C-alpha cells in the first residue's frame, strides 16, 4: 500500500476514534447543547470524509472495501457547504450507528497492511 493511502486510513481511524471518545456516554441532547462537542465531532467527520474521498480517488479498489463511501463524502460536503441545513439527529445517528462500522473496516484494512508477510 502506498504510504499516502496508509496515512489517509490512519487519519480516518484516528478521527473516528476521537469522535468515539468524545461521544462516549453522551446523549443527543448533550450534543445539541454543547457547542464545543458539536464542533469537535463535526470537524472530525469532515476529516474522515476528506480522507475517504482521497482514498477513493487514489485507489478505488481499496475504497470499495470501505462501506458507504459516497455517503461519507456527502456528509463531509454537507457539513462544509450546508452546515446550516445539517440536523443534529442525522449527525448523532452517524456517530452512534455508522462510525463503529467504519472504525472496524478501516482498522481491519490497517491490520492487514501491517501484518508481517
PDB file of N, CA and C in Angstrom:
ATOM      1  N   UNK A   1       0.847  -1.179   0.000  1.00  0.00           N
ATOM      2  CA  UNK A   1       0.000   0.000   0.000  1.00  0.00           C
ATOM      3  C   UNK A   1       0.891   1.239   0.000  1.00  0.00           C
ATOM      4  N   UNK A   2       0.497   2.217  -0.785  1.00  0.00           N
ATOM      5  CA  UNK A   2       1.248   3.469  -0.842  1.00  0.00           C
ATOM      6  C   UNK A   2       1.257   4.149   0.538  1.00  0.00           C
ATOM      7  N   UNK A   3       2.361   4.777   0.897  1.00  0.00           N
ATOM      8  CA  UNK A   3       2.410   5.478   2.177  1.00  0.00           C
ATOM      9  C   UNK A   3       1.287   6.511   2.333  1.00  0.00           C
ATOM     10  N   UNK A   4       0.935   7.193   1.248  1.00  0.00           N
ATOM     11  CA  UNK A   4      -0.134   8.201   1.314  1.00  0.00           C
ATOM     12  C   UNK A   4      -1.464   7.546   1.694  1.00  0.00           C
ATOM     13  N   UNK A   5      -1.766   6.395   1.112  1.00  0.00           N
ATOM     14  CA  UNK A   5      -3.004   5.691   1.439  1.00  0.00           C
ATOM     15  C   UNK A   5      -3.011   5.231   2.891  1.00  0.00           C
ATOM     16  N   UNK A   6      -1.883   4.742   3.334  1.00  0.00           N
ATOM     17  CA  UNK A   6      -1.760   4.308   4.719  1.00  0.00           C
ATOM     18  C   UNK A   6      -2.021   5.474   5.666  1.00  0.00           C
ATOM     19  N   UNK A   7      -1.447   6.611   5.369  1.00  0.00           N
ATOM     20  CA  UNK A   7      -1.638   7.813   6.198  1.00  0.00           C
ATOM     21  C   UNK A   7      -3.110   8.241   6.205  1.00  0.00           C
ATOM     22  N   UNK A   8      -3.749   8.203   5.049  1.00  0.00           N
ATOM     23  CA  UNK A   8      -5.161   8.583   4.986  1.00  0.00           C
ATOM     24  C   UNK A   8      -6.026   7.654   5.823  1.00  0.00           C
ATOM     25  N   UNK A   9      -5.764   6.359   5.744  1.00  0.00           N
ATOM     26  CA  UNK A   9      -6.531   5.407   6.558  1.00  0.00           C
ATOM     27  C   UNK A   9      -6.273   5.622   8.042  1.00  0.00           C
ATOM     28  N   UNK A  10      -5.034   5.914   8.391  1.00  0.00           N
ATOM     29  CA  UNK A  10      -4.711   6.212   9.791  1.00  0.00           C
ATOM     30  C   UNK A  10      -5.450   7.470  10.253  1.00  0.00           C
ATOM     31  N   UNK A  11      -5.555   8.463   9.381  1.00  0.00           N
ATOM     32  CA  UNK A  11      -6.296   9.685   9.719  1.00  0.00           C
ATOM     33  C   UNK A  11      -7.771   9.384   9.969  1.00  0.00           C
ATOM     34  N   UNK A  12      -8.344   8.521   9.118  1.00  0.00           N
ATOM     35  CA  UNK A  12      -9.748   8.137   9.301  1.00  0.00           C
ATOM     36  C   UNK A  12      -9.932   7.460  10.651  1.00  0.00           C
ATOM     37  N   UNK A  13      -9.084   6.501  10.943  1.00  0.00           N
ATOM     38  CA  UNK A  13      -9.208   5.769  12.201  1.00  0.00           C
ATOM     39  C   UNK A  13      -8.991   6.678  13.402  1.00  0.00           C
ATOM     40  N   UNK A  14      -8.024   7.567  13.303  1.00  0.00           N
ATOM     41  CA  UNK A  14      -7.754   8.495  14.398  1.00  0.00           C
ATOM     42  C   UNK A  14      -8.947   9.413  14.650  1.00  0.00           C
ATOM     43  N   UNK A  15      -9.499   9.992  13.595  1.00  0.00           N
ATOM     44  CA  UNK A  15     -10.638  10.902  13.754  1.00  0.00           C
ATOM     45  C   UNK A  15     -11.861  10.155  14.269  1.00  0.00           C
ATOM     46  N   UNK A  16     -12.092   8.964  13.755  1.00  0.00           N
ATOM     47  CA  UNK A  16     -13.240   8.169  14.202  1.00  0.00           C
ATOM     48  C   UNK A  16     -13.086   7.763  15.667  1.00  0.00           C
ATOM     49  N   UNK A  17     -11.891   7.415  16.066  1.00  0.00           N
ATOM     50  CA  UNK A  17     -11.643   7.048  17.463  1.00  0.00           C
ATOM     51  C   UNK A  17     -11.818   8.247  18.385  1.00  0.00           C
ATOM     52  N   UNK A  18     -11.367   9.397  17.933  1.00  0.00           N
ATOM     53  CA  UNK A  18     -11.531  10.621  18.722  1.00  0.00           C
ATOM     54  C   UNK A  18     -13.014  10.936  18.908  1.00  0.00           C
ATOM     55  N   UNK A  19     -13.797  10.817  17.844  1.00  0.00           N
ATOM     56  CA  UNK A  19     -15.241  11.049  17.948  1.00  0.00           C
ATOM     57  C   UNK A  19     -15.854  10.066  18.939  1.00  0.00           C
ATOM     58  N   UNK A  20     -15.449   8.806  18.857  1.00  0.00           N
ATOM     59  CA  UNK A  20     -15.992   7.794  19.775  1.00  0.00           C
ATOM     60  C   UNK A  20     -15.690   8.163  21.226  1.00  0.00           C
ATOM     61  N   UNK A  21     -14.491   8.648  21.481  1.00  0.00           N
ATOM     62  CA  UNK A  21     -14.140   9.087  22.842  1.00  0.00           C
ATOM     63  C   UNK A  21     -15.013  10.247  23.281  1.00  0.00           C
ATOM     64  N   UNK A  22     -15.182  11.227  22.390  1.00  0.00           N
ATOM     65  CA  UNK A  22     -15.990  12.401  22.730  1.00  0.00           C
ATOM     66  C   UNK A  22     -17.444  12.041  22.991  1.00  0.00           C
ATOM     67  N   UNK A  23     -17.972  11.120  22.214  1.00  0.00           N
ATOM     68  CA  UNK A  23     -19.394  10.793  22.279  1.00  0.00           C
ATOM     69  C   UNK A  23     -19.719   9.748  23.343  1.00  0.00           C
ATOM     70  N   UNK A  24     -18.702   9.098  23.874  1.00  0.00           N
ATOM     71  CA  UNK A  24     -18.932   8.053  24.869  1.00  0.00           C
ATOM     72  C   UNK A  24     -19.745   8.592  26.047  1.00  0.00           C
ATOM     73  N   UNK A  25     -20.794   7.903  26.374  1.00  0.00           N
ATOM     74  CA  UNK A  25     -21.679   8.268  27.496  1.00  0.00           C
ATOM     75  C   UNK A  25     -22.356   9.630  27.332  1.00  0.00           C
ATOM     76  N   UNK A  26     -22.399  10.132  26.109  1.00  0.00           N
ATOM     77  CA  UNK A  26     -23.093  11.395  25.844  1.00  0.00           C
ATOM     78  C   UNK A  26     -24.436  11.094  25.189  1.00  0.00           C
ATOM     79  N   UNK A  27     -25.318  12.051  25.249  1.00  0.00           N
ATOM     80  CA  UNK A  27     -26.632  11.905  24.636  1.00  0.00           C
ATOM     81  C   UNK A  27     -26.782  12.897  23.491  1.00  0.00           C
ATOM     82  N   UNK A  28     -27.810  12.675  22.699  1.00  0.00           N
ATOM     83  CA  UNK A  28     -28.127  13.622  21.623  1.00  0.00           C
ATOM     84  C   UNK A  28     -28.365  15.007  22.205  1.00  0.00           C
ATOM     85  N   UNK A  29     -29.052  15.063  23.311  1.00  0.00           N
ATOM     86  CA  UNK A  29     -29.339  16.367  23.927  1.00  0.00           C
ATOM     87  C   UNK A  29     -28.045  17.068  24.347  1.00  0.00           C
ATOM     88  N   UNK A  30     -27.104  16.331  24.902  1.00  0.00           N
ATOM     89  CA  UNK A  30     -25.813  16.930  25.263  1.00  0.00           C
ATOM     90  C   UNK A  30     -25.082  17.411  24.013  1.00  0.00           C
ATOM     91  N   UNK A  31     -25.154  16.629  22.964  1.00  0.00           N
ATOM     92  CA  UNK A  31     -24.541  17.029  21.700  1.00  0.00           C
ATOM     93  C   UNK A  31     -25.138  18.345  21.215  1.00  0.00           C
ATOM     94  N   UNK A  32     -26.461  18.447  21.266  1.00  0.00           N
ATOM     95  CA  UNK A  32     -27.141  19.677  20.823  1.00  0.00           C
ATOM     96  C   UNK A  32     -26.731  20.894  21.650  1.00  0.00           C
ATOM     97  N   UNK A  33     -26.574  20.700  22.931  1.00  0.00           N
ATOM     98  CA  UNK A  33     -26.345  21.822  23.846  1.00  0.00           C
ATOM     99  C   UNK A  33     -24.882  22.223  23.991  1.00  0.00           C
ATOM    100  N   UNK A  34     -23.962  21.366  23.609  1.00  0.00           N
ATOM    101  CA  UNK A  34     -22.537  21.616  23.825  1.00  0.00           C
ATOM    102  C   UNK A  34     -21.868  21.983  22.496  1.00  0.00           C
ATOM    103  N   UNK A  35     -21.664  23.258  22.300  1.00  0.00           N
ATOM    104  CA  UNK A  35     -21.094  23.742  21.045  1.00  0.00           C
ATOM    105  C   UNK A  35     -19.715  23.157  20.766  1.00  0.00           C
ATOM    106  N   UNK A  36     -18.876  23.086  21.783  1.00  0.00           N
ATOM    107  CA  UNK A  36     -17.532  22.535  21.579  1.00  0.00           C
ATOM    108  C   UNK A  36     -17.599  21.067  21.166  1.00  0.00           C
ATOM    109  N   UNK A  37     -18.454  20.309  21.800  1.00  0.00           N
ATOM    110  CA  UNK A  37     -18.628  18.902  21.446  1.00  0.00           C
ATOM    111  C   UNK A  37     -19.109  18.777  20.002  1.00  0.00           C
ATOM    112  N   UNK A  38     -20.118  19.551  19.654  1.00  0.00           N
ATOM    113  CA  UNK A  38     -20.669  19.524  18.299  1.00  0.00           C
ATOM    114  C   UNK A  38     -19.612  19.872  17.265  1.00  0.00           C
ATOM    115  N   UNK A  39     -18.886  20.933  17.509  1.00  0.00           N
ATOM    116  CA  UNK A  39     -17.888  21.361  16.536  1.00  0.00           C
ATOM    117  C   UNK A  39     -16.721  20.378  16.435  1.00  0.00           C
ATOM    118  N   UNK A  40     -16.324  19.800  17.542  1.00  0.00           N
ATOM    119  CA  UNK A  40     -15.238  18.817  17.506  1.00  0.00           C
ATOM    120  C   UNK A  40     -15.658  17.574  16.715  1.00  0.00           C
ATOM    121  N   UNK A  41     -16.866  17.115  16.944  1.00  0.00           N
ATOM    122  CA  UNK A  41     -17.358  15.946  16.222  1.00  0.00           C
ATOM    123  C   UNK A  41     -17.508  16.271  14.745  1.00  0.00           C
ATOM    124  N   UNK A  42     -18.111  17.392  14.435  1.00  0.00           N
ATOM    125  CA  UNK A  42     -18.322  17.751  13.033  1.00  0.00           C
ATOM    126  C   UNK A  42     -16.994  17.949  12.306  1.00  0.00           C
ATOM    127  N   UNK A  43     -16.036  18.556  12.938  1.00  0.00           N
ATOM    128  CA  UNK A  43     -14.726  18.758  12.301  1.00  0.00           C
ATOM    129  C   UNK A  43     -14.069  17.420  11.984  1.00  0.00           C
ATOM    130  N   UNK A  44     -14.157  16.488  12.900  1.00  0.00           N
ATOM    131  CA  UNK A  44     -13.540  15.191  12.664  1.00  0.00           C
ATOM    132  C   UNK A  44     -14.307  14.371  11.635  1.00  0.00           C
ATOM    133  N   UNK A  45     -15.622  14.577  11.521  1.00  0.00           N
ATOM    134  CA  UNK A  45     -16.378  13.959  10.434  1.00  0.00           C
ATOM    135  C   UNK A  45     -15.945  14.538   9.088  1.00  0.00           C
ATOM    136  N   UNK A  46     -15.629  15.813   9.067  1.00  0.00           N
ATOM    137  CA  UNK A  46     -15.109  16.435   7.844  1.00  0.00           C
ATOM    138  C   UNK A  46     -13.767  15.803   7.451  1.00  0.00           C
ATOM    139  N   UNK A  47     -12.904  15.609   8.429  1.00  0.00           N
ATOM    140  CA  UNK A  47     -11.602  14.990   8.177  1.00  0.00           C
ATOM    141  C   UNK A  47     -11.794  13.585   7.617  1.00  0.00           C
ATOM    142  N   UNK A  48     -12.689  12.829   8.216  1.00  0.00           N
ATOM    143  CA  UNK A  48     -12.972  11.477   7.733  1.00  0.00           C
ATOM    144  C   UNK A  48     -13.444  11.526   6.288  1.00  0.00           C
ATOM    145  N   UNK A  49     -14.391  12.394   6.005  1.00  0.00           N
ATOM    146  CA  UNK A  49     -14.929  12.497   4.649  1.00  0.00           C
ATOM    147  C   UNK A  49     -13.875  12.889   3.632  1.00  0.00           C
ATOM    148  N   UNK A  50     -13.023  13.810   3.988  1.00  0.00           N
ATOM    149  CA  UNK A  50     -11.965  14.243   3.068  1.00  0.00           C
ATOM    150  C   UNK A  50     -10.955  13.128   2.838  1.00  0.00           C
ATOM    151  N   UNK A  51     -10.569  12.446   3.894  1.00  0.00           N
ATOM    152  CA  UNK A  51      -9.603  11.354   3.752  1.00  0.00           C
ATOM    153  C   UNK A  51     -10.185  10.205   2.922  1.00  0.00           C
ATOM    154  N   UNK A  52     -11.436   9.855   3.182  1.00  0.00           N
ATOM    155  CA  UNK A  52     -12.078   8.780   2.417  1.00  0.00           C
ATOM    156  C   UNK A  52     -12.204   9.181   0.947  1.00  0.00           C
ATOM    157  N   UNK A  53     -12.525  10.425   0.692  1.00  0.00           N
ATOM    158  CA  UNK A  53     -12.620  10.913  -0.678  1.00  0.00           C
ATOM    159  C   UNK A  53     -11.270  10.775  -1.396  1.00  0.00           C
ATOM    160  N   UNK A  54     -10.194  11.120  -0.714  1.00  0.00           N
ATOM    161  CA  UNK A  54      -8.866  10.992  -1.308  1.00  0.00           C
ATOM    162  C   UNK A  54      -8.501   9.532  -1.548  1.00  0.00           C
ATOM    163  N   UNK A  55      -8.859   8.654  -0.615  1.00  0.00           N
ATOM    164  CA  UNK A  55      -8.620   7.224  -0.811  1.00  0.00           C
ATOM    165  C   UNK A  55      -9.355   6.751  -2.055  1.00  0.00           C
ATOM    166  N   UNK A  56     -10.591   7.188  -2.223  1.00  0.00           N
ATOM    167  CA  UNK A  56     -11.388   6.729  -3.364  1.00  0.00           C
ATOM    168  C   UNK A  56     -10.801   7.199  -4.695  1.00  0.00           C
ATOM    169  N   UNK A  57     -10.166   8.370  -4.689  1.00  0.00           N
ATOM    170  CA  UNK A  57      -9.532   8.857  -5.917  1.00  0.00           C
ATOM    171  C   UNK A  57      -8.202   8.162  -6.193  1.00  0.00           C
ATOM    172  N   UNK A  58      -7.448   7.855  -5.133  1.00  0.00           N
ATOM    173  CA  UNK A  58      -6.133   7.227  -5.293  1.00  0.00           C
ATOM    174  C   UNK A  58      -6.218   5.723  -5.556  1.00  0.00           C
ATOM    175  N   UNK A  59      -7.196   5.070  -4.921  1.00  0.00           N
ATOM    176  CA  UNK A  59      -7.296   3.616  -5.046  1.00  0.00           C
ATOM    177  C   UNK A  59      -8.759   3.184  -4.896  1.00  0.00           C
ATOM    178  N   UNK A  60      -9.516   3.232  -5.999  1.00  0.00           N
ATOM    179  CA  UNK A  60     -10.929   2.864  -5.939  1.00  0.00           C
ATOM    180  C   UNK A  60     -11.177   1.447  -5.424  1.00  0.00           C
ATOM    181  N   UNK A  61     -10.259   0.542  -5.683  1.00  0.00           N
ATOM    182  CA  UNK A  61     -10.416  -0.839  -5.204  1.00  0.00           C
ATOM    183  C   UNK A  61     -10.349  -0.888  -3.688  1.00  0.00           C
ATOM    184  N   UNK A  62      -9.410  -0.167  -3.126  1.00  0.00           N
ATOM    185  CA  UNK A  62      -9.304  -0.093  -1.669  1.00  0.00           C
ATOM    186  C   UNK A  62     -10.529   0.601  -1.091  1.00  0.00           C
ATOM    187  N   UNK A  63     -10.953   1.677  -1.697  1.00  0.00           N
ATOM    188  CA  UNK A  63     -12.129   2.411  -1.212  1.00  0.00           C
ATOM    189  C   UNK A  63     -13.376   1.540  -1.231  1.00  0.00           C
ATOM    190  N   UNK A  64     -13.457   0.624  -2.183  1.00  0.00           N
ATOM    191  CA  UNK A  64     -14.614  -0.267  -2.276  1.00  0.00           C
ATOM    192  C   UNK A  64     -14.713  -1.182  -1.064  1.00  0.00           C
ATOM    193  N   UNK A  65     -13.626  -1.335  -0.344  1.00  0.00           N
ATOM    194  CA  UNK A  65     -13.632  -2.155   0.873  1.00  0.00           C
ATOM    195  C   UNK A  65     -14.098  -1.368   2.092  1.00  0.00           C
ATOM    196  N   UNK A  66     -14.359  -0.094   1.899  1.00  0.00           N
ATOM    197  CA  UNK A  66     -14.905   0.765   2.951  1.00  0.00           C
ATOM    198  C   UNK A  66     -16.361   0.996   2.591  1.00  0.00           C
ATOM    199  N   UNK A  67     -17.243   0.636   3.468  1.00  0.00           N
ATOM    200  CA  UNK A  67     -18.663   0.792   3.179  1.00  0.00           C
ATOM    201  C   UNK A  67     -19.102   2.250   3.173  1.00  0.00           C
ATOM    202  N   UNK A  68     -20.110   2.534   2.367  1.00  0.00           N
ATOM    203  CA  UNK A  68     -20.774   3.839   2.397  1.00  0.00           C
ATOM    204  C   UNK A  68     -19.896   5.011   1.977  1.00  0.00           C
ATOM    205  N   UNK A  69     -18.911   4.800   1.124  1.00  0.00           N
ATOM    206  CA  UNK A  69     -18.009   5.887   0.714  1.00  0.00           C
ATOM    207  C   UNK A  69     -18.785   7.097   0.191  1.00  0.00           C
ATOM    208  N   UNK A  70     -19.743   6.927  -0.722  1.00  0.00           N
ATOM    209  CA  UNK A  70     -20.464   8.113  -1.208  1.00  0.00           C
ATOM    210  C   UNK A  70     -21.192   8.872  -0.087  1.00  0.00           C
ATOM    211  N   UNK A  71     -21.744   8.133   0.867  1.00  0.00           N
ATOM    212  CA  UNK A  71     -22.457   8.794   1.975  1.00  0.00           C
ATOM    213  C   UNK A  71     -21.494   9.514   2.921  1.00  0.00           C
ATOM    214  N   UNK A  72     -20.322   8.928   3.122  1.00  0.00           N
ATOM    215  CA  UNK A  72     -19.315   9.560   3.979  1.00  0.00           C
ATOM    216  C   UNK A  72     -18.874  10.883   3.358  1.00  0.00           C
ATOM    217  N   UNK A  73     -18.606  10.861   2.077  1.00  0.00           N
ATOM    218  CA  UNK A  73     -18.183  12.072   1.368  1.00  0.00           C
ATOM    219  C   UNK A  73     -19.323  13.085   1.324  1.00  0.00           C
ATOM    220  N   UNK A  74     -20.541  12.615   1.119  1.00  0.00           N
ATOM    221  CA  UNK A  74     -21.708  13.518   1.081  1.00  0.00           C
ATOM    222  C   UNK A  74     -21.908  14.208   2.427  1.00  0.00           C
ATOM    223  N   UNK A  75     -21.698  13.489   3.513  1.00  0.00           N
ATOM    224  CA  UNK A  75     -21.828  14.111   4.836  1.00  0.00           C
ATOM    225  C   UNK A  75     -20.760  15.175   5.015  1.00  0.00           C
ATOM    226  N   UNK A  76     -19.553  14.879   4.596  1.00  0.00           N
ATOM    227  CA  UNK A  76     -18.473  15.873   4.667  1.00  0.00           C
ATOM    228  C   UNK A  76     -18.852  17.128   3.895  1.00  0.00           C
ATOM    229  N   UNK A  77     -19.373  16.948   2.688  1.00  0.00           N
ATOM    230  CA  UNK A  77     -19.771  18.087   1.869  1.00  0.00           C
ATOM    231  C   UNK A  77     -20.902  18.877   2.513  1.00  0.00           C
ATOM    232  N   UNK A  78     -21.850  18.165   3.071  1.00  0.00           N
ATOM    233  CA  UNK A  78     -22.968  18.835   3.743  1.00  0.00           C
ATOM    234  C   UNK A  78     -22.485  19.625   4.953  1.00  0.00           C
ATOM    235  N   UNK A  79     -21.580  19.051   5.722  1.00  0.00           N
ATOM    236  CA  UNK A  79     -21.062  19.756   6.901  1.00  0.00           C
ATOM    237  C   UNK A  79     -20.315  21.026   6.512  1.00  0.00           C
ATOM    238  N   UNK A  80     -19.599  20.966   5.419  1.00  0.00           N
ATOM    239  CA  UNK A  80     -18.807  22.117   4.998  1.00  0.00           C
ATOM    240  C   UNK A  80     -19.648  23.152   4.255  1.00  0.00           C
ATOM    241  N   UNK A  81     -20.444  22.692   3.309  1.00  0.00           N
ATOM    242  CA  UNK A  81     -21.163  23.620   2.432  1.00  0.00           C
ATOM    243  C   UNK A  81     -22.601  23.886   2.849  1.00  0.00           C
ATOM    244  N   UNK A  82     -23.177  22.966   3.601  1.00  0.00           N
ATOM    245  CA  UNK A  82     -24.568  23.146   4.004  1.00  0.00           C
ATOM    246  C   UNK A  82     -24.728  23.038   5.505  1.00  0.00           C
ATOM    247  N   UNK A  83     -23.711  23.528   6.213  1.00  0.00           N
ATOM    248  CA  UNK A  83     -23.692  23.392   7.676  1.00  0.00           C
ATOM    249  C   UNK A  83     -24.975  23.865   8.334  1.00  0.00           C
ATOM    250  N   UNK A  84     -25.623  24.846   7.745  1.00  0.00           N
ATOM    251  CA  UNK A  84     -26.840  25.394   8.336  1.00  0.00           C
ATOM    252  C   UNK A  84     -28.055  24.495   8.115  1.00  0.00           C
ATOM    253  N   UNK A  85     -27.904  23.480   7.284  1.00  0.00           N
ATOM    254  CA  UNK A  85     -29.011  22.578   6.992  1.00  0.00           C
ATOM    255  C   UNK A  85     -28.884  21.223   7.698  1.00  0.00           C
ATOM    256  N   UNK A  86     -27.748  20.990   8.330  1.00  0.00           N
ATOM    257  CA  UNK A  86     -27.496  19.702   8.974  1.00  0.00           C
ATOM    258  C   UNK A  86     -28.353  19.568  10.223  1.00  0.00           C
ATOM    259  N   UNK A  87     -28.992  18.427  10.336  1.00  0.00           N
ATOM    260  CA  UNK A  87     -29.801  18.141  11.522  1.00  0.00           C
ATOM    261  C   UNK A  87     -28.950  17.378  12.527  1.00  0.00           C
ATOM    262  N   UNK A  88     -29.031  17.801  13.778  1.00  0.00           N
ATOM    263  CA  UNK A  88     -28.245  17.153  14.824  1.00  0.00           C
ATOM    264  C   UNK A  88     -28.541  15.660  14.912  1.00  0.00           C
ATOM    265  N   UNK A  89     -29.785  15.282  14.707  1.00  0.00           N
ATOM    266  CA  UNK A  89     -30.158  13.868  14.774  1.00  0.00           C
ATOM    267  C   UNK A  89     -29.403  13.043  13.729  1.00  0.00           C
ATOM    268  N   UNK A  90     -29.233  13.611  12.552  1.00  0.00           N
ATOM    269  CA  UNK A  90     -28.517  12.907  11.476  1.00  0.00           C
ATOM    270  C   UNK A  90     -27.067  12.665  11.864  1.00  0.00           C
ATOM    271  N   UNK A  91     -26.422  13.699  12.378  1.00  0.00           N
ATOM    272  CA  UNK A  91     -25.019  13.562  12.779  1.00  0.00           C
ATOM    273  C   UNK A  91     -24.911  12.544  13.907  1.00  0.00           C
ATOM    274  N   UNK A  92     -25.792  12.636  14.881  1.00  0.00           N
ATOM    275  CA  UNK A  92     -25.730  11.736  16.026  1.00  0.00           C
ATOM    276  C   UNK A  92     -25.955  10.289  15.611  1.00  0.00           C
ATOM    277  N   UNK A  93     -26.845  10.069  14.645  1.00  0.00           N
ATOM    278  CA  UNK A  93     -27.090   8.723  14.135  1.00  0.00           C
ATOM    279  C   UNK A  93     -25.823   8.177  13.471  1.00  0.00           C
ATOM    280  N   UNK A  94     -25.139   9.007  12.718  1.00  0.00           N
ATOM    281  CA  UNK A  94     -23.870   8.602  12.101  1.00  0.00           C
ATOM    282  C   UNK A  94     -22.867   8.214  13.179  1.00  0.00           C
ATOM    283  N   UNK A  95     -22.754   9.046  14.199  1.00  0.00           N
ATOM    284  CA  UNK A  95     -21.796   8.799  15.278  1.00  0.00           C
ATOM    285  C   UNK A  95     -22.100   7.484  15.981  1.00  0.00           C
ATOM    286  N   UNK A  96     -23.354   7.233  16.273  1.00  0.00           N
ATOM    287  CA  UNK A  96     -23.734   6.046  17.037  1.00  0.00           C
ATOM    288  C   UNK A  96     -23.809   4.765  16.207  1.00  0.00           C
ATOM    289  N   UNK A  97     -24.316   4.854  14.990  1.00  0.00           N
ATOM    290  CA  UNK A  97     -24.593   3.639  14.219  1.00  0.00           C
ATOM    291  C   UNK A  97     -23.558   3.341  13.142  1.00  0.00           C
ATOM    292  N   UNK A  98     -23.047   4.350  12.474  1.00  0.00           N
ATOM    293  CA  UNK A  98     -22.204   4.106  11.315  1.00  0.00           C
ATOM    294  C   UNK A  98     -20.710   4.224  11.612  1.00  0.00           C
ATOM    295  N   UNK A  99     -20.352   5.077  12.538  1.00  0.00           N
ATOM    296  CA  UNK A  99     -18.933   5.255  12.857  1.00  0.00           C
ATOM    297  C   UNK A  99     -18.280   3.986  13.415  1.00  0.00           C
ATOM    298  N   UNK A 100     -18.951   3.239  14.278  1.00  0.00           N
ATOM    299  CA  UNK A 100     -18.326   1.991  14.745  1.00  0.00           C
ATOM    300  C   UNK A 100     -18.028   1.014  13.602  1.00  0.00           C
ATOM    301  N   UNK A 101     -18.898   0.955  12.615  1.00  0.00           N
ATOM    302  CA  UNK A 101     -18.681   0.090  11.457  1.00  0.00           C
ATOM    303  C   UNK A 101     -17.462   0.574  10.676  1.00  0.00           C
ATOM    304  N   UNK A 102     -17.377   1.865  10.449  1.00  0.00           N
ATOM    305  CA  UNK A 102     -16.242   2.432   9.733  1.00  0.00           C
ATOM    306  C   UNK A 102     -14.940   2.158  10.477  1.00  0.00           C
ATOM    307  N   UNK A 103     -14.959   2.303  11.776  1.00  0.00           N
ATOM    308  CA  UNK A 103     -13.749   2.035  12.567  1.00  0.00           C
ATOM    309  C   UNK A 103     -13.290   0.594  12.398  1.00  0.00           C
ATOM    310  N   UNK A 104     -14.231  -0.329  12.418  1.00  0.00           N
ATOM    311  CA  UNK A 104     -13.877  -1.740  12.238  1.00  0.00           C
ATOM    312  C   UNK A 104     -13.305  -1.992  10.844  1.00  0.00           C
ATOM    313  N   UNK A 105     -13.949  -1.437   9.833  1.00  0.00           N
ATOM    314  CA  UNK A 105     -13.497  -1.655   8.452  1.00  0.00           C
ATOM    315  C   UNK A 105     -12.092  -1.103   8.239  1.00  0.00           C
ATOM    316  N   UNK A 106     -11.880   0.119   8.650  1.00  0.00           N
ATOM    317  CA  UNK A 106     -10.570   0.747   8.444  1.00  0.00           C
ATOM    318  C   UNK A 106      -9.520   0.087   9.337  1.00  0.00           C
ATOM    319  N   UNK A 107      -9.892  -0.263  10.550  1.00  0.00           N
ATOM    320  CA  UNK A 107      -8.960  -0.974  11.426  1.00  0.00           C
ATOM    321  C   UNK A 107      -8.507  -2.289  10.811  1.00  0.00           C
ATOM    322  N   UNK A 108      -9.459  -3.003  10.185  1.00  0.00           N
ATOM    323  CA  UNK A 108      -9.128  -4.261   9.516  1.00  0.00           C
ATOM    324  C   UNK A 108      -8.162  -4.022   8.351  1.00  0.00           C
ATOM    325  N   UNK A 109      -8.431  -2.995   7.557  1.00  0.00           N
ATOM    326  CA  UNK A 109      -7.539  -2.683   6.430  1.00  0.00           C
ATOM    327  C   UNK A 109      -6.126  -2.366   6.915  1.00  0.00           C
ATOM    328  N   UNK A 110      -6.029  -1.593   7.980  1.00  0.00           N
ATOM    329  CA  UNK A 110      -4.711  -1.252   8.518  1.00  0.00           C
ATOM    330  C   UNK A 110      -4.025  -2.476   9.114  1.00  0.00           C
ATOM    331  N   UNK A 111      -4.800  -3.308   9.775  1.00  0.00           N
ATOM    332  CA  UNK A 111      -4.221  -4.523  10.353  1.00  0.00           C
ATOM    333  C   UNK A 111      -3.684  -5.437   9.255  1.00  0.00           C
ATOM    334  N   UNK A 112      -4.422  -5.590   8.183  1.00  0.00           N
ATOM    335  CA  UNK A 112      -3.960  -6.403   7.054  1.00  0.00           C
ATOM    336  C   UNK A 112      -2.671  -5.843   6.472  1.00  0.00           C
ATOM    337  N   UNK A 113      -2.577  -4.545   6.404  1.00  0.00           N
ATOM    338  CA  UNK A 113      -1.405  -3.905   5.807  1.00  0.00           C
ATOM    339  C   UNK A 113      -0.167  -4.051   6.694  1.00  0.00           C
ATOM    340  N   UNK A 114      -0.351  -4.047   7.987  1.00  0.00           N
ATOM    341  CA  UNK A 114       0.789  -4.069   8.893  1.00  0.00           C
ATOM    342  C   UNK A 114       1.186  -5.475   9.315  1.00  0.00           C
ATOM    343  N   UNK A 115       0.432  -6.482   8.862  1.00  0.00           N
ATOM    344  CA  UNK A 115       0.816  -7.869   9.176  1.00  0.00           C
ATOM    345  C   UNK A 115       2.149  -8.213   8.537  1.00  0.00           C
ATOM    346  N   UNK A 116       2.891  -8.981   9.243  1.00  0.00           N
ATOM    347  CA  UNK A 116       4.172  -9.448   8.706  1.00  0.00           C
ATOM    348  C   UNK A 116       3.908 -10.388   7.532  1.00  0.00           C
ATOM    349  N   UNK A 117       4.661 -10.256   6.435  1.00  0.00           N
ATOM    350  CA  UNK A 117       4.488 -11.175   5.292  1.00  0.00           C
ATOM    351  C   UNK A 117       4.978 -12.570   5.594  1.00  0.00           C
TER     352      UNK A 117
END
